[in-house]
């Protein structure tokens, strides 16, 4: 795994982007009205972020990318809120501290229909420390959840065919390209096999039509076919490659709709020069996508 000094040189911005993301500030103030303005919450945000960083040196933590609500920016967001109001259930897979779920609640969705899930359960106490809503949040948090583990989604699991909607915000790019089709298949085992059920999300993408492949320096080395340790591959998907991934992950006996759109990558956190240099050839954009059963 990358050491902290190297990670911080590439993936660390000191000040929270409070003026670039008013929705995040409004959400925190919704739960914590004692913060009368954005500036008054800076010390708390820095403290929470530092605690999260000590758990995992993720770029999204160091660069404050978690401060942006990927779900809210999707055109289908009003539909998601309405379906939750009607009693459907959503799974936020790789939820981090559950920002998107709490934004759903602020926008009128009942918390009972929200399930947050992550491999790392140490994020959850931090989320309660930030939002102070442990007594009012009636949704679910499941930690220690490995999407590679069949016990999570296989026969007998409480999660099997349980969810109407599954959100994978900035999640799929965490896995090597050769593994991503399996990951989508595993997620499908948790999705209800009914018309309208959907998996949707966002990923770090590229403007290059065929995607962009590089080595992931923030992931632990893995053994290659020769038994040698090397960094795993990391892919920035294009709109075309992410649709190809989704289409190849479903059976031909079902009809699906696939949508992928690109938007500008969030650069308002002023990434470090090392970050810009590291990804200079990737032509980074954001890719939003959805696969829905017809």
Protein backbone atom coordinates (compact mmCIF):
# COMPACT_ATOMS: atom_id res chain seq x y z
CA UNK A 1 0.00 0.00 0.00
CA UNK A 2 1.17 3.53 -0.72
CA UNK A 3 2.78 5.16 2.34
CA UNK A 4 1.17 8.19 3.96
CA UNK A 5 3.84 10.71 2.94
CA UNK A 6 3.59 9.75 -0.73
CA UNK A 7 -0.21 9.66 -0.61
CA UNK A 8 -0.34 13.07 1.03
CA UNK A 9 1.99 14.57 -1.59
CA UNK A 10 -0.43 13.48 -4.32
CA UNK A 11 -3.85 13.37 -2.72
CA UNK A 12 -4.08 16.02 -0.05
CA UNK A 13 -5.73 19.43 -0.05
CA UNK A 14 -5.74 21.12 3.32
CA UNK A 15 -8.85 23.29 3.27
CA UNK A 16 -12.36 21.88 2.78
CA UNK A 17 -14.14 23.19 -0.36
CA UNK A 18 -16.95 24.77 1.63
CA UNK A 19 -17.76 27.44 -0.94
CA UNK A 20 -17.59 25.09 -3.92
CA UNK A 21 -20.15 22.67 -2.44
CA UNK A 22 -22.99 24.59 -0.76
CA UNK A 23 -25.19 21.48 -0.82
CA UNK A 24 -22.78 19.67 1.50
CA UNK A 25 -22.66 22.66 3.83
CA UNK A 26 -26.47 22.88 3.83
CA UNK A 27 -26.74 19.18 4.64
CA UNK A 28 -24.43 19.43 7.63
CA UNK A 29 -26.21 22.54 8.87
CA UNK A 30 -29.52 20.68 8.47
CA UNK A 31 -28.27 18.15 11.03
CA UNK A 32 -26.14 20.58 13.01
CA UNK A 33 -27.97 23.96 13.15
CA UNK A 34 -25.44 25.22 15.69
CA UNK A 35 -23.13 25.89 12.75
CA UNK A 36 -24.41 29.26 11.60
CA UNK A 37 -22.22 29.40 8.48
CA UNK A 38 -19.74 27.36 6.49
CA UNK A 39 -16.68 28.85 8.15
CA UNK A 40 -17.86 27.77 11.59
CA UNK A 41 -17.71 24.07 10.66
CA UNK A 42 -14.20 24.04 9.15
CA UNK A 43 -12.44 22.75 12.27
CA UNK A 44 -14.93 19.88 12.64
CA UNK A 45 -14.61 18.95 8.97
CA UNK A 46 -10.84 18.88 9.18
CA UNK A 47 -10.95 16.72 12.29
CA UNK A 48 -13.38 14.20 10.74
CA UNK A 49 -11.44 14.10 7.46
CA UNK A 50 -8.13 13.51 9.27
CA UNK A 51 -9.64 10.59 11.21
CA UNK A 52 -10.95 9.12 7.94
CA UNK A 53 -7.54 9.59 6.28
CA UNK A 54 -5.82 7.65 9.05
CA UNK A 55 -8.12 4.72 8.25
CA UNK A 56 -7.40 4.70 4.49
CA UNK A 57 -5.24 7.01 2.40
CA UNK A 58 -7.84 7.27 -0.33
CA UNK A 59 -7.60 10.09 -2.91
CA UNK A 60 -11.30 10.84 -2.41
CA UNK A 61 -10.61 11.47 1.29
CA UNK A 62 -7.48 13.57 0.91
CA UNK A 63 -8.94 15.66 -1.93
CA UNK A 64 -12.37 16.12 -0.28
CA UNK A 65 -14.13 14.45 -3.21
CA UNK A 66 -16.59 12.88 -0.75
CA UNK A 67 -17.91 16.41 -0.22
CA UNK A 68 -19.67 16.18 -3.59
CA UNK A 69 -22.98 14.32 -3.86
CA UNK A 70 -22.69 12.14 -6.93
CA UNK A 71 -26.25 10.85 -6.66
CA UNK A 72 -27.85 14.29 -6.54
CA UNK A 73 -26.34 15.34 -9.87
CA UNK A 74 -27.99 12.49 -11.79
CA UNK A 75 -31.08 13.29 -13.92
CA UNK A 76 -32.92 10.38 -12.26
CA UNK A 77 -32.46 11.82 -8.75
CA UNK A 78 -36.08 13.05 -8.37
CA UNK A 79 -37.27 9.58 -9.41
CA UNK A 80 -35.06 8.00 -6.74
CA UNK A 81 -36.54 10.21 -4.02
CA UNK A 82 -40.09 9.49 -5.19
CA UNK A 83 -39.55 5.72 -5.32
CA UNK A 84 -38.23 5.78 -1.76
CA UNK A 85 -41.31 7.74 -0.70
CA UNK A 86 -43.38 4.93 -2.20
CA UNK A 87 -41.67 2.39 0.04
CA UNK A 88 -38.89 1.09 -2.20
CA UNK A 89 -35.38 0.43 -0.87
CA UNK A 90 -32.01 1.67 -2.05
CA UNK A 91 -28.54 0.27 -1.34
CA UNK A 92 -25.61 2.68 -1.35
CA UNK A 93 -22.71 0.30 -1.99
CA UNK A 94 -19.38 1.75 -0.92
CA UNK A 95 -21.20 4.47 1.00
CA UNK A 96 -18.20 5.89 2.93
CA UNK A 97 -19.89 8.02 5.63
CA UNK A 98 -23.33 7.99 4.06
CA UNK A 99 -23.49 11.53 2.71
CA UNK A 100 -25.75 10.64 -0.23
CA UNK A 101 -28.21 8.77 1.96
CA UNK A 102 -28.55 11.70 4.30
CA UNK A 103 -29.04 14.03 1.34
CA UNK A 104 -31.93 11.78 0.24
CA UNK A 105 -33.48 12.17 3.70
CA UNK A 106 -33.07 15.95 3.59
CA UNK A 107 -34.87 15.94 0.23
CA UNK A 108 -37.85 14.04 1.59
CA UNK A 109 -37.01 10.33 1.42
CA UNK A 110 -37.73 8.21 4.52
CA UNK A 111 -34.55 6.96 6.16
CA UNK A 112 -36.12 3.51 6.69
CA UNK A 113 -35.60 2.71 2.99
CA UNK A 114 -31.88 3.50 2.93
CA UNK A 115 -29.20 0.85 3.38
CA UNK A 116 -25.57 1.95 3.57
CA UNK A 117 -22.87 -0.65 2.96
CA UNK A 118 -19.08 -0.55 2.93
CA UNK A 119 -16.10 -2.81 3.32
CA UNK A 120 -14.75 -0.49 6.03
CA UNK A 121 -17.03 -0.10 9.05
CA UNK A 122 -14.82 2.49 10.75
CA UNK A 123 -16.40 5.20 8.58
CA UNK A 124 -19.75 4.83 10.34
CA UNK A 125 -18.90 6.17 13.81
CA UNK A 126 -17.33 9.16 12.07
CA UNK A 127 -20.57 9.78 10.20
CA UNK A 128 -22.54 9.86 13.43
CA UNK A 129 -19.92 12.14 14.95
CA UNK A 130 -20.34 14.53 12.03
CA UNK A 131 -24.12 14.45 11.63
CA UNK A 132 -25.16 13.75 15.24
CA UNK A 133 -28.13 11.70 13.98
CA UNK A 134 -27.62 8.30 15.55
CA UNK A 135 -31.04 8.50 17.25
CA UNK A 136 -32.96 9.86 14.25
CA UNK A 137 -31.46 7.88 11.37
CA UNK A 138 -33.63 4.77 10.94
CA UNK A 139 -31.82 3.28 7.97
CA UNK A 140 -29.14 0.62 7.99
CA UNK A 141 -25.36 0.46 8.06
CA UNK A 142 -23.59 -2.77 7.15
CA UNK A 143 -19.81 -2.85 7.51
CA UNK A 144 -17.24 -5.46 6.61
CA UNK A 145 -19.12 -6.14 3.36
CA UNK A 146 -16.91 -7.55 0.61
CA UNK A 147 -18.65 -7.61 -2.77
CA UNK A 148 -16.29 -10.46 -3.74
CA UNK A 149 -17.69 -12.66 -0.94
CA UNK A 150 -20.62 -14.84 -2.04
CA UNK A 151 -21.95 -14.86 1.52
CA UNK A 152 -22.97 -11.23 0.94
CA UNK A 153 -25.22 -11.87 -2.07
CA UNK A 154 -25.63 -15.65 -2.46
CA UNK A 155 -28.46 -17.97 -1.52
CA UNK A 156 -29.51 -17.42 2.08
CA UNK A 157 -28.17 -13.89 2.34
CA UNK A 158 -30.59 -11.25 3.64
CA UNK A 159 -29.37 -8.98 0.84
CA UNK A 160 -30.21 -11.34 -2.01
CA UNK A 161 -32.84 -9.80 -4.35
CA UNK A 162 -33.65 -7.23 -1.66
CA UNK A 163 -33.03 -3.85 -3.31
CA UNK A 164 -35.03 -1.90 -5.88
CA UNK A 165 -32.10 0.43 -6.57
CA UNK A 166 -28.37 0.07 -6.03
CA UNK A 167 -26.11 3.12 -6.14
CA UNK A 168 -22.40 2.61 -6.79
CA UNK A 169 -20.92 6.08 -6.57
CA UNK A 170 -17.20 6.13 -7.41
CA UNK A 171 -17.08 2.41 -6.66
CA UNK A 172 -16.53 0.30 -9.77
CA UNK A 173 -13.18 1.93 -10.59
CA UNK A 174 -11.78 0.53 -7.33
CA UNK A 175 -11.58 -2.91 -8.96
CA UNK A 176 -9.21 -4.17 -11.68
CA UNK A 177 -10.82 -4.12 -15.14
CA UNK A 178 -10.81 -7.92 -15.43
CA UNK A 179 -12.82 -8.14 -12.21
CA UNK A 180 -15.46 -5.52 -12.89
CA UNK A 181 -17.87 -7.72 -14.84
CA UNK A 182 -17.92 -10.15 -11.90
CA UNK A 183 -18.57 -7.25 -9.52
CA UNK A 184 -21.59 -6.12 -11.55
CA UNK A 185 -22.88 -9.70 -11.61
CA UNK A 186 -22.54 -9.91 -7.83
CA UNK A 187 -24.45 -6.67 -7.40
CA UNK A 188 -27.20 -8.02 -9.64
CA UNK A 189 -27.74 -10.81 -7.11
CA UNK A 190 -28.80 -8.18 -4.58
CA UNK A 191 -31.12 -6.38 -7.00
CA UNK A 192 -34.78 -7.35 -7.21
CA UNK A 193 -35.42 -9.24 -10.48
CA UNK A 194 -38.33 -6.98 -11.46
CA UNK A 195 -38.94 -4.36 -14.14
CA UNK A 196 -37.60 -0.95 -13.17
CA UNK A 197 -34.91 -2.20 -10.80
CA UNK A 198 -31.62 -0.49 -11.52
CA UNK A 199 -27.95 -0.09 -10.76
CA UNK A 200 -26.58 3.39 -11.28
CA UNK A 201 -23.66 5.54 -10.26
CA UNK A 202 -20.64 7.60 -11.15
CA UNK A 203 -17.03 6.81 -11.85
CA UNK A 204 -13.80 8.61 -12.57
CA UNK A 205 -13.71 8.48 -16.35
CA UNK A 206 -11.89 9.62 -19.43
CA UNK A 207 -12.72 11.48 -22.61
CA UNK A 208 -10.74 8.83 -24.53
CA UNK A 209 -13.22 6.62 -26.40
CA UNK A 210 -11.53 3.34 -25.51
CA UNK A 211 -10.89 4.18 -21.86
CA UNK A 212 -7.54 4.76 -20.20
CA UNK A 213 -5.54 2.10 -18.37
CA UNK A 214 -2.87 2.72 -15.74
CA UNK A 215 -1.47 1.18 -12.56
CA UNK A 216 -3.18 1.90 -9.23
CA UNK A 217 -0.59 3.17 -6.78
CA UNK A 218 -3.09 3.39 -3.89
CA UNK A 219 -3.92 -0.33 -3.95
CA UNK A 220 -1.84 -3.19 -2.49
CA UNK A 221 0.27 -5.22 -4.94
CA UNK A 222 -1.19 -8.43 -6.32
CA UNK A 223 0.38 -11.49 -7.91
CA UNK A 224 0.40 -11.62 -11.69
CA UNK A 225 0.29 -14.79 -13.81
CA UNK A 226 4.03 -15.24 -13.30
CA UNK A 227 3.66 -15.12 -9.52
CA UNK A 228 5.30 -11.70 -9.35
CA UNK A 229 3.85 -8.87 -7.29
CA UNK A 230 2.72 -5.79 -9.18
CA UNK A 231 0.28 -2.93 -8.84
CA UNK A 232 -3.19 -3.78 -10.13
CA UNK A 233 -4.55 -2.20 -13.28
CA UNK A 234 -6.84 0.80 -12.93
CA UNK A 235 -9.19 1.88 -15.69
CA UNK A 236 -10.80 5.22 -16.38
CA UNK A 237 -13.97 4.27 -18.26
CA UNK A 238 -15.39 6.18 -21.19
CA UNK A 239 -19.12 6.32 -21.82
CA UNK A 240 -18.64 3.55 -24.40
CA UNK A 241 -16.57 1.22 -22.24
CA UNK A 242 -18.86 1.53 -19.23
CA UNK A 243 -21.89 0.66 -21.37
CA UNK A 244 -19.96 -2.30 -22.78
CA UNK A 245 -19.20 -3.40 -19.21
CA UNK A 246 -22.84 -3.21 -18.13
CA UNK A 247 -24.14 -4.93 -21.26
CA UNK A 248 -21.67 -7.79 -20.95
CA UNK A 249 -22.68 -8.36 -17.33
CA UNK A 250 -26.33 -9.26 -17.91
CA UNK A 251 -27.95 -12.31 -19.45
CA UNK A 252 -29.44 -12.21 -22.91
CA UNK A 253 -32.79 -13.42 -21.57
CA UNK A 254 -33.53 -10.07 -19.96
CA UNK A 255 -34.02 -6.64 -21.52
CA UNK A 256 -32.06 -3.72 -20.12
CA UNK A 257 -31.63 -0.05 -20.84
CA UNK A 258 -28.08 1.33 -20.57
CA UNK A 259 -27.26 5.03 -20.28
CA UNK A 260 -23.89 6.73 -19.81
CA UNK A 261 -23.04 10.42 -19.95
CA UNK A 262 -19.90 12.36 -19.24
CA UNK A 263 -19.49 15.62 -17.38
CA UNK A 264 -16.56 17.72 -16.28
CA UNK A 265 -14.42 16.33 -13.50
CA UNK A 266 -14.60 18.15 -10.19
CA UNK A 267 -11.40 20.20 -10.07
CA UNK A 268 -12.56 22.86 -7.65
CA UNK A 269 -10.59 21.21 -4.85
CA UNK A 270 -7.41 22.42 -6.58
CA UNK A 271 -5.56 19.09 -6.79
CA UNK A 272 -1.88 19.13 -6.03
CA UNK A 273 0.70 19.45 -8.80
CA UNK A 274 1.70 15.85 -8.13
CA UNK A 275 -1.91 14.75 -8.66
CA UNK A 276 -2.13 16.65 -11.94
CA UNK A 277 1.16 15.18 -13.13
CA UNK A 278 0.17 11.65 -12.15
CA UNK A 279 -3.03 11.76 -14.22
CA UNK A 280 -1.93 14.17 -16.94
CA UNK A 281 -2.52 11.72 -19.81
CA UNK A 282 -5.88 10.41 -18.64
CA UNK A 283 -8.09 13.27 -19.92
CA UNK A 284 -10.20 12.84 -16.79
CA UNK A 285 -13.94 13.42 -16.92
CA UNK A 286 -16.77 12.10 -14.79
CA UNK A 287 -18.92 9.32 -16.22
CA UNK A 288 -22.47 8.85 -14.90
CA UNK A 289 -24.29 5.66 -15.80
CA UNK A 290 -27.44 3.63 -15.24
CA UNK A 291 -28.59 0.11 -16.12
CA UNK A 292 -32.32 -0.46 -15.72
CA UNK A 293 -34.49 -3.54 -16.26
CA UNK A 294 -37.25 -2.92 -18.79
